[in-house]
Amino acid sequence: MVARARLISLALLAYLLTPVEGEAAGRADAAYGGFCIVAAIFRLRVFEGHRRDRCDVTRGLVCLPGGTLNLFAPRGS
């Protein structure tokens, strides 16, 4: 069920990014990737009972801000 929701959200993202210029679509895809990593770590803890370790927290703290930077950081011309 989780895999189906993931596939549907990824297909929806791809569909919505189709008319967008390539550079903006790449930034949105990078932000989506950062969010997916954090969501997977959360899902492991809540639904599968996996205890987070220091590396899991570090990955989340790096990926989510990294994805946000990719999406919103100013770019040179």
PDB file of N, CA and C in Angstrom:
ATOM      1  N   MET A   1       0.821  -1.196   0.000  1.00  0.00           N
ATOM      2  CA  MET A   1       0.000   0.000   0.000  1.00  0.00           C
ATOM      3  C   MET A   1       0.867   1.264   0.000  1.00  0.00           C
ATOM      4  N   VAL A   2       1.932   1.250   0.800  1.00  0.00           N
ATOM      5  CA  VAL A   2       2.828   2.403   0.831  1.00  0.00           C
ATOM      6  C   VAL A   2       3.529   2.553  -0.515  1.00  0.00           C
ATOM      7  N   ALA A   3       3.919   1.425  -1.104  1.00  0.00           N
ATOM      8  CA  ALA A   3       4.594   1.485  -2.407  1.00  0.00           C
ATOM      9  C   ALA A   3       3.663   2.053  -3.470  1.00  0.00           C
ATOM     10  N   ARG A   4       2.388   1.695  -3.411  1.00  0.00           N
ATOM     11  CA  ARG A   4       1.421   2.224  -4.378  1.00  0.00           C
ATOM     12  C   ARG A   4       1.278   3.734  -4.228  1.00  0.00           C
ATOM     13  N   ALA A   5       1.179   4.210  -2.985  1.00  0.00           N
ATOM     14  CA  ALA A   5       1.068   5.661  -2.749  1.00  0.00           C
ATOM     15  C   ALA A   5       2.314   6.379  -3.241  1.00  0.00           C
ATOM     16  N   ARG A   6       3.466   5.764  -3.040  1.00  0.00           N
ATOM     17  CA  ARG A   6       4.712   6.365  -3.499  1.00  0.00           C
ATOM     18  C   ARG A   6       4.743   6.464  -5.019  1.00  0.00           C
ATOM     19  N   LEU A   7       4.325   5.395  -5.687  1.00  0.00           N
ATOM     20  CA  LEU A   7       4.300   5.407  -7.148  1.00  0.00           C
ATOM     21  C   LEU A   7       3.311   6.432  -7.688  1.00  0.00           C
ATOM     22  N   ILE A   8       2.160   6.538  -7.051  1.00  0.00           N
ATOM     23  CA  ILE A   8       1.165   7.516  -7.492  1.00  0.00           C
ATOM     24  C   ILE A   8       1.688   8.934  -7.315  1.00  0.00           C
ATOM     25  N   SER A   9       2.328   9.216  -6.173  1.00  0.00           N
ATOM     26  CA  SER A   9       2.849  10.570  -5.953  1.00  0.00           C
ATOM     27  C   SER A   9       3.982  10.892  -6.916  1.00  0.00           C
ATOM     28  N   LEU A  10       4.826   9.907  -7.223  1.00  0.00           N
ATOM     29  CA  LEU A  10       5.908  10.135  -8.178  1.00  0.00           C
ATOM     30  C   LEU A  10       5.359  10.361  -9.584  1.00  0.00           C
ATOM     31  N   ALA A  11       4.341   9.587  -9.971  1.00  0.00           N
ATOM     32  CA  ALA A  11       3.719   9.779 -11.286  1.00  0.00           C
ATOM     33  C   ALA A  11       3.044  11.145 -11.371  1.00  0.00           C
ATOM     34  N   LEU A  12       2.391  11.565 -10.301  1.00  0.00           N
ATOM     35  CA  LEU A  12       1.759  12.884 -10.273  1.00  0.00           C
ATOM     36  C   LEU A  12       2.799  13.985 -10.395  1.00  0.00           C
ATOM     37  N   LEU A  13       3.917  13.838  -9.685  1.00  0.00           N
ATOM     38  CA  LEU A  13       4.996  14.821  -9.791  1.00  0.00           C
ATOM     39  C   LEU A  13       5.506  14.901 -11.231  1.00  0.00           C
ATOM     40  N   ALA A  14       5.746  13.748 -11.846  1.00  0.00           N
ATOM     41  CA  ALA A  14       6.231  13.740 -13.228  1.00  0.00           C
ATOM     42  C   ALA A  14       5.225  14.394 -14.173  1.00  0.00           C
ATOM     43  N   TYR A  15       3.956  14.115 -13.980  1.00  0.00           N
ATOM     44  CA  TYR A  15       2.921  14.717 -14.822  1.00  0.00           C
ATOM     45  C   TYR A  15       2.874  16.237 -14.649  1.00  0.00           C
ATOM     46  N   LEU A  16       2.940  16.692 -13.403  1.00  0.00           N
ATOM     47  CA  LEU A  16       2.868  18.134 -13.148  1.00  0.00           C
ATOM     48  C   LEU A  16       4.112  18.875 -13.619  1.00  0.00           C
ATOM     49  N   LEU A  17       5.240  18.188 -13.666  1.00  0.00           N
ATOM     50  CA  LEU A  17       6.480  18.841 -14.095  1.00  0.00           C
ATOM     51  C   LEU A  17       6.666  18.804 -15.609  1.00  0.00           C
ATOM     52  N   THR A  18       5.808  18.115 -16.326  1.00  0.00           N
ATOM     53  CA  THR A  18       5.962  17.993 -17.778  1.00  0.00           C
ATOM     54  C   THR A  18       5.980  19.352 -18.482  1.00  0.00           C
ATOM     55  N   PRO A  19       5.064  20.282 -18.191  1.00  0.00           N
ATOM     56  CA  PRO A  19       5.088  21.553 -18.918  1.00  0.00           C
ATOM     57  C   PRO A  19       6.107  22.564 -18.371  1.00  0.00           C
ATOM     58  N   VAL A  20       6.825  22.230 -17.327  1.00  0.00           N
ATOM     59  CA  VAL A  20       7.752  23.167 -16.687  1.00  0.00           C
ATOM     60  C   VAL A  20       9.108  23.090 -17.369  1.00  0.00           C
ATOM     61  N   GLU A  21       9.814  24.216 -17.412  1.00  0.00           N
ATOM     62  CA  GLU A  21      11.153  24.222 -18.010  1.00  0.00           C
ATOM     63  C   GLU A  21      12.075  23.257 -17.266  1.00  0.00           C
ATOM     64  N   GLY A  22      13.086  22.760 -17.950  1.00  0.00           N
ATOM     65  CA  GLY A  22      13.957  21.710 -17.425  1.00  0.00           C
ATOM     66  C   GLY A  22      14.662  22.041 -16.123  1.00  0.00           C
ATOM     67  N   GLU A  23      15.186  23.253 -16.003  1.00  0.00           N
ATOM     68  CA  GLU A  23      15.931  23.630 -14.795  1.00  0.00           C
ATOM     69  C   GLU A  23      15.026  23.637 -13.561  1.00  0.00           C
ATOM     70  N   ALA A  24      13.841  24.202 -13.683  1.00  0.00           N
ATOM     71  CA  ALA A  24      12.910  24.248 -12.548  1.00  0.00           C
ATOM     72  C   ALA A  24      12.425  22.846 -12.197  1.00  0.00           C
ATOM     73  N   ALA A  25      12.208  22.002 -13.190  1.00  0.00           N
ATOM     74  CA  ALA A  25      11.766  20.632 -12.928  1.00  0.00           C
ATOM     75  C   ALA A  25      12.841  19.858 -12.180  1.00  0.00           C
ATOM     76  N   GLY A  26      14.087  20.061 -12.520  1.00  0.00           N
ATOM     77  CA  GLY A  26      15.185  19.396 -11.815  1.00  0.00           C
ATOM     78  C   GLY A  26      15.271  19.821 -10.362  1.00  0.00           C
ATOM     79  N   ARG A  27      15.054  21.101 -10.098  1.00  0.00           N
ATOM     80  CA  ARG A  27      15.073  21.590  -8.704  1.00  0.00           C
ATOM     81  C   ARG A  27      13.926  20.984  -7.910  1.00  0.00           C
ATOM     82  N   ALA A  28      12.750  20.923  -8.501  1.00  0.00           N
ATOM     83  CA  ALA A  28      11.602  20.327  -7.807  1.00  0.00           C
ATOM     84  C   ALA A  28      11.835  18.839  -7.552  1.00  0.00           C
ATOM     85  N   ASP A  29      12.442  18.149  -8.503  1.00  0.00           N
ATOM     86  CA  ASP A  29      12.735  16.731  -8.331  1.00  0.00           C
ATOM     87  C   ASP A  29      13.741  16.512  -7.203  1.00  0.00           C
ATOM     88  N   ALA A  30      14.725  17.374  -7.081  1.00  0.00           N
ATOM     89  CA  ALA A  30      15.702  17.265  -5.992  1.00  0.00           C
ATOM     90  C   ALA A  30      15.030  17.495  -4.641  1.00  0.00           C
ATOM     91  N   ALA A  31      14.131  18.449  -4.569  1.00  0.00           N
ATOM     92  CA  ALA A  31      13.409  18.698  -3.318  1.00  0.00           C
ATOM     93  C   ALA A  31      12.536  17.504  -2.966  1.00  0.00           C
ATOM     94  N   TYR A  32      11.902  16.901  -3.954  1.00  0.00           N
ATOM     95  CA  TYR A  32      11.071  15.718  -3.723  1.00  0.00           C
ATOM     96  C   TYR A  32      11.927  14.569  -3.188  1.00  0.00           C
ATOM     97  N   GLY A  33      13.136  14.412  -3.708  1.00  0.00           N
ATOM     98  CA  GLY A  33      14.038  13.366  -3.236  1.00  0.00           C
ATOM     99  C   GLY A  33      14.407  13.541  -1.777  1.00  0.00           C
ATOM    100  N   GLY A  34      14.702  14.779  -1.380  1.00  0.00           N
ATOM    101  CA  GLY A  34      15.020  15.046   0.023  1.00  0.00           C
ATOM    102  C   GLY A  34      13.857  14.734   0.935  1.00  0.00           C
ATOM    103  N   PHE A  35      12.655  15.082   0.508  1.00  0.00           N
ATOM    104  CA  PHE A  35      11.463  14.799   1.292  1.00  0.00           C
ATOM    105  C   PHE A  35      11.227  13.296   1.397  1.00  0.00           C
ATOM    106  N   CYS A  36      11.448  12.553   0.316  1.00  0.00           N
ATOM    107  CA  CYS A  36      11.237  11.103   0.333  1.00  0.00           C
ATOM    108  C   CYS A  36      12.169  10.406   1.310  1.00  0.00           C
ATOM    109  N   ILE A  37      13.402  10.862   1.405  1.00  0.00           N
ATOM    110  CA  ILE A  37      14.345  10.255   2.344  1.00  0.00           C
ATOM    111  C   ILE A  37      13.883  10.464   3.774  1.00  0.00           C
ATOM    112  N   VAL A  38      13.466  11.674   4.102  1.00  0.00           N
ATOM    113  CA  VAL A  38      12.982  11.959   5.453  1.00  0.00           C
ATOM    114  C   VAL A  38      11.700  11.180   5.735  1.00  0.00           C
ATOM    115  N   ALA A  39      10.802  11.088   4.756  1.00  0.00           N
ATOM    116  CA  ALA A  39       9.563  10.330   4.943  1.00  0.00           C
ATOM    117  C   ALA A  39       9.853   8.848   5.147  1.00  0.00           C
ATOM    118  N   ALA A  40      10.849   8.305   4.451  1.00  0.00           N
ATOM    119  CA  ALA A  40      11.199   6.893   4.625  1.00  0.00           C
ATOM    120  C   ALA A  40      11.748   6.631   6.021  1.00  0.00           C
ATOM    121  N   ILE A  41      12.568   7.530   6.529  1.00  0.00           N
ATOM    122  CA  ILE A  41      13.091   7.379   7.888  1.00  0.00           C
ATOM    123  C   ILE A  41      11.953   7.444   8.898  1.00  0.00           C
ATOM    124  N   PHE A  42      11.011   8.350   8.704  1.00  0.00           N
ATOM    125  CA  PHE A  42       9.845   8.465   9.583  1.00  0.00           C
ATOM    126  C   PHE A  42       8.990   7.201   9.520  1.00  0.00           C
ATOM    127  N   ARG A  43       8.769   6.695   8.305  1.00  0.00           N
ATOM    128  CA  ARG A  43       7.960   5.492   8.140  1.00  0.00           C
ATOM    129  C   ARG A  43       8.601   4.282   8.808  1.00  0.00           C
ATOM    130  N   LEU A  44       9.915   4.163   8.698  1.00  0.00           N
ATOM    131  CA  LEU A  44      10.608   3.058   9.361  1.00  0.00           C
ATOM    132  C   LEU A  44      10.372   3.074  10.861  1.00  0.00           C
ATOM    133  N   ARG A  45      10.385   4.249  11.448  1.00  0.00           N
ATOM    134  CA  ARG A  45      10.199   4.360  12.898  1.00  0.00           C
ATOM    135  C   ARG A  45       8.747   4.109  13.300  1.00  0.00           C
ATOM    136  N   VAL A  46       7.813   4.746  12.618  1.00  0.00           N
ATOM    137  CA  VAL A  46       6.413   4.697  13.035  1.00  0.00           C
ATOM    138  C   VAL A  46       5.760   3.359  12.691  1.00  0.00           C
ATOM    139  N   PHE A  47       5.940   2.877  11.468  1.00  0.00           N
ATOM    140  CA  PHE A  47       5.200   1.704  11.020  1.00  0.00           C
ATOM    141  C   PHE A  47       5.959   0.391  11.159  1.00  0.00           C
ATOM    142  N   GLU A  48       7.285   0.456  11.125  1.00  0.00           N
ATOM    143  CA  GLU A  48       8.051  -0.786  11.181  1.00  0.00           C
ATOM    144  C   GLU A  48       8.840  -0.945  12.473  1.00  0.00           C
ATOM    145  N   GLY A  49       8.793   0.050  13.334  1.00  0.00           N
ATOM    146  CA  GLY A  49       9.438  -0.052  14.632  1.00  0.00           C
ATOM    147  C   GLY A  49      10.956   0.000  14.614  1.00  0.00           C
ATOM    148  N   HIS A  50      11.536   0.418  13.505  1.00  0.00           N
ATOM    149  CA  HIS A  50      12.992   0.531  13.404  1.00  0.00           C
ATOM    150  C   HIS A  50      13.467   1.714  14.232  1.00  0.00           C
ATOM    151  N   ARG A  51      14.418   1.501  15.090  1.00  0.00           N
ATOM    152  CA  ARG A  51      14.945   2.596  15.907  1.00  0.00           C
ATOM    153  C   ARG A  51      15.945   3.396  15.088  1.00  0.00           C
ATOM    154  N   ARG A  52      15.753   4.701  15.097  1.00  0.00           N
ATOM    155  CA  ARG A  52      16.681   5.572  14.363  1.00  0.00           C
ATOM    156  C   ARG A  52      18.019   5.598  15.090  1.00  0.00           C
ATOM    157  N   ASP A  53      19.070   5.668  14.320  1.00  0.00           N
ATOM    158  CA  ASP A  53      20.384   5.871  14.921  1.00  0.00           C
ATOM    159  C   ASP A  53      20.900   7.243  14.496  1.00  0.00           C
ATOM    160  N   ARG A  54      22.079   7.552  14.920  1.00  0.00           N
ATOM    161  CA  ARG A  54      22.650   8.874  14.653  1.00  0.00           C
ATOM    162  C   ARG A  54      22.783   9.143  13.156  1.00  0.00           C
ATOM    163  N   CYS A  55      23.117   8.111  12.383  1.00  0.00           N
ATOM    164  CA  CYS A  55      23.271   8.294  10.931  1.00  0.00           C
ATOM    165  C   CYS A  55      21.938   8.604  10.259  1.00  0.00           C
ATOM    166  N   ASP A  56      20.848   7.973  10.712  1.00  0.00           N
ATOM    167  CA  ASP A  56      19.533   8.265  10.139  1.00  0.00           C
ATOM    168  C   ASP A  56      19.152   9.722  10.369  1.00  0.00           C
ATOM    169  N   VAL A  57      19.367  10.194  11.567  1.00  0.00           N
ATOM    170  CA  VAL A  57      19.046  11.595  11.881  1.00  0.00           C
ATOM    171  C   VAL A  57      19.922  12.527  11.061  1.00  0.00           C
ATOM    172  N   THR A  58      21.191  12.187  10.927  1.00  0.00           N
ATOM    173  CA  THR A  58      22.108  13.018  10.136  1.00  0.00           C
ATOM    174  C   THR A  58      21.672  13.071   8.678  1.00  0.00           C
ATOM    175  N   ARG A  59      21.273  11.927   8.134  1.00  0.00           N
ATOM    176  CA  ARG A  59      20.796  11.914   6.740  1.00  0.00           C
ATOM    177  C   ARG A  59      19.593  12.831   6.565  1.00  0.00           C
ATOM    178  N   GLY A  60      18.661  12.751   7.497  1.00  0.00           N
ATOM    179  CA  GLY A  60      17.494  13.618   7.411  1.00  0.00           C
ATOM    180  C   GLY A  60      17.853  15.086   7.525  1.00  0.00           C
ATOM    181  N   LEU A  61      18.782  15.390   8.432  1.00  0.00           N
ATOM    182  CA  LEU A  61      19.179  16.787   8.628  1.00  0.00           C
ATOM    183  C   LEU A  61      19.967  17.342   7.446  1.00  0.00           C
ATOM    184  N   VAL A  62      20.566  16.470   6.664  1.00  0.00           N
ATOM    185  CA  VAL A  62      21.299  16.914   5.473  1.00  0.00           C
ATOM    186  C   VAL A  62      20.377  16.970   4.252  1.00  0.00           C
ATOM    187  N   CYS A  63      19.536  15.960   4.072  1.00  0.00           N
ATOM    188  CA  CYS A  63      18.748  15.841   2.837  1.00  0.00           C
ATOM    189  C   CYS A  63      17.613  16.847   2.739  1.00  0.00           C
ATOM    190  N   LEU A  64      16.900  17.066   3.822  1.00  0.00           N
ATOM    191  CA  LEU A  64      15.759  17.983   3.740  1.00  0.00           C
ATOM    192  C   LEU A  64      16.194  19.425   3.481  1.00  0.00           C
ATOM    193  N   PRO A  65      17.148  19.961   4.236  1.00  0.00           N
ATOM    194  CA  PRO A  65      17.616  21.315   3.893  1.00  0.00           C
ATOM    195  C   PRO A  65      18.294  21.364   2.528  1.00  0.00           C
ATOM    196  N   GLY A  66      18.984  20.277   2.153  1.00  0.00           N
ATOM    197  CA  GLY A  66      19.622  20.240   0.839  1.00  0.00           C
ATOM    198  C   GLY A  66      18.606  20.323  -0.282  1.00  0.00           C
ATOM    199  N   GLY A  67      17.520  19.576  -0.146  1.00  0.00           N
ATOM    200  CA  GLY A  67      16.458  19.652  -1.142  1.00  0.00           C
ATOM    201  C   GLY A  67      15.821  21.022  -1.190  1.00  0.00           C
ATOM    202  N   THR A  68      15.644  21.624  -0.020  1.00  0.00           N
ATOM    203  CA  THR A  68      15.077  22.973   0.038  1.00  0.00           C
ATOM    204  C   THR A  68      16.005  23.983  -0.630  1.00  0.00           C
ATOM    205  N   LEU A  69      17.302  23.852  -0.380  1.00  0.00           N
ATOM    206  CA  LEU A  69      18.266  24.745  -1.038  1.00  0.00           C
ATOM    207  C   LEU A  69      18.222  24.577  -2.549  1.00  0.00           C
ATOM    208  N   ASN A  70      18.122  23.335  -3.009  1.00  0.00           N
ATOM    209  CA  ASN A  70      18.030  23.113  -4.447  1.00  0.00           C
ATOM    210  C   ASN A  70      16.821  23.776  -5.056  1.00  0.00           C
ATOM    211  N   LEU A  71      15.734  23.802  -4.318  1.00  0.00           N
ATOM    212  CA  LEU A  71      14.494  24.354  -4.851  1.00  0.00           C
ATOM    213  C   LEU A  71      14.483  25.885  -4.813  1.00  0.00           C
ATOM    214  N   PHE A  72      14.953  26.488  -3.713  1.00  0.00           N
ATOM    215  CA  PHE A  72      14.769  27.922  -3.507  1.00  0.00           C
ATOM    216  C   PHE A  72      16.034  28.782  -3.629  1.00  0.00           C
ATOM    217  N   ALA A  73      17.198  28.184  -3.719  1.00  0.00           N
ATOM    218  CA  ALA A  73      18.432  28.980  -3.770  1.00  0.00           C
ATOM    219  C   ALA A  73      18.509  29.775  -5.065  1.00  0.00           C
ATOM    220  N   PRO A  74      19.009  30.994  -4.985  1.00  0.00           N
ATOM    221  CA  PRO A  74      19.148  31.780  -6.217  1.00  0.00           C
ATOM    222  C   PRO A  74      20.237  31.198  -7.111  1.00  0.00           C
ATOM    223  N   ARG A  75      20.035  31.304  -8.396  1.00  0.00           N
ATOM    224  CA  ARG A  75      21.002  30.799  -9.351  1.00  0.00           C
ATOM    225  C   ARG A  75      21.576  31.950 -10.161  1.00  0.00           C
ATOM    226  N   GLY A  76      22.823  31.809 -10.518  1.00  0.00           N
ATOM    227  CA  GLY A  76      23.451  32.824 -11.350  1.00  0.00           C
ATOM    228  C   GLY A  76      22.978  32.723 -12.789  1.00  0.00           C
ATOM    229  N   SER A  77      23.262  33.747 -13.566  1.00  0.00           N
ATOM    230  CA  SER A  77      22.796  33.746 -14.954  1.00  0.00           C
ATOM    231  C   SER A  77      23.767  33.112 -15.893  1.00  0.00           C
TER     232      SER A  77
END
